[in-house]
Amino acid sequence: MSTLVLLVVLLLVLVSGLVGGAVIYVVHRSPSWSSPVTAGLTAVGVLATVVGVIVAAGGR
């Protein structure tokens, strides 16, 4: 694996942890977001957006 691929994988792992922590914080602070389906869809949507941006940037 090249260094760039390893850095992108590290970026995805760090962003996934950050998004997961943010969703956990929001669910803890706001009872209206406490539905597991809502929290899960929010986390998946944000991660899909981040991966889409990374793939789009890599295609240039």
Protein backbone atom coordinates (compact mmCIF):
# COMPACT_ATOMS: atom_id res chain seq x y z
CA MET A 1 0.00 0.00 0.00
CA SER A 2 1.16 3.45 -0.75
CA THR A 3 1.56 6.12 1.86
CA LEU A 4 -1.35 8.09 0.42
CA VAL A 5 -3.73 5.14 0.79
CA LEU A 6 -2.65 4.65 4.40
CA LEU A 7 -3.21 8.34 5.14
CA VAL A 8 -6.69 8.23 3.59
CA VAL A 9 -7.57 5.16 5.67
CA LEU A 10 -6.30 6.92 8.79
CA LEU A 11 -8.38 9.97 7.89
CA LEU A 12 -11.51 7.83 7.51
CA VAL A 13 -10.90 6.13 10.86
CA LEU A 14 -10.40 9.46 12.63
CA VAL A 15 -13.45 11.04 10.99
CA SER A 16 -15.55 7.98 11.84
CA GLY A 17 -14.56 8.30 15.49
CA LEU A 18 -15.28 12.01 15.45
CA VAL A 19 -18.71 11.53 13.85
CA GLY A 20 -19.54 8.70 16.25
CA GLY A 21 -18.58 10.82 19.23
CA ALA A 22 -20.60 13.76 17.94
CA VAL A 23 -23.70 11.60 17.42
CA ILE A 24 -23.34 10.10 20.89
CA TYR A 25 -23.02 13.62 22.36
CA VAL A 26 -26.10 14.90 20.51
CA VAL A 27 -28.16 11.86 21.54
CA HIS A 28 -27.08 12.40 25.14
CA ARG A 29 -27.92 16.13 25.14
CA SER A 30 -31.14 16.14 23.11
CA PRO A 31 -33.91 13.65 23.91
CA SER A 32 -35.61 14.17 20.54
CA TRP A 33 -32.59 12.56 18.82
CA SER A 34 -32.57 9.57 21.14
CA SER A 35 -34.14 7.20 18.60
CA PRO A 36 -31.50 4.67 17.50
CA VAL A 37 -32.78 4.81 13.93
CA THR A 38 -32.41 8.58 13.75
CA ALA A 39 -28.95 8.53 15.28
CA GLY A 40 -27.81 5.67 13.04
CA LEU A 41 -29.09 7.29 9.87
CA THR A 42 -27.43 10.57 10.81
CA ALA A 43 -24.08 8.87 11.40
CA VAL A 44 -24.29 6.85 8.18
CA GLY A 45 -25.30 9.94 6.19
CA VAL A 46 -22.41 12.01 7.48
CA LEU A 47 -19.89 9.22 6.88
CA ALA A 48 -21.22 8.66 3.35
CA THR A 49 -20.80 12.36 2.65
CA VAL A 50 -17.21 12.33 3.91
CA VAL A 51 -16.34 9.24 1.84
CA GLY A 52 -18.01 10.83 -1.21
CA VAL A 53 -15.94 14.00 -0.83
CA ILE A 54 -12.74 11.98 -0.48
CA VAL A 55 -13.53 9.85 -3.55
CA ALA A 56 -14.46 12.91 -5.58
CA ALA A 57 -11.24 14.66 -4.59
CA GLY A 58 -9.22 11.57 -5.50
CA GLY A 59 -10.76 11.40 -8.98
CA ARG A 60 -9.24 14.70 -10.10
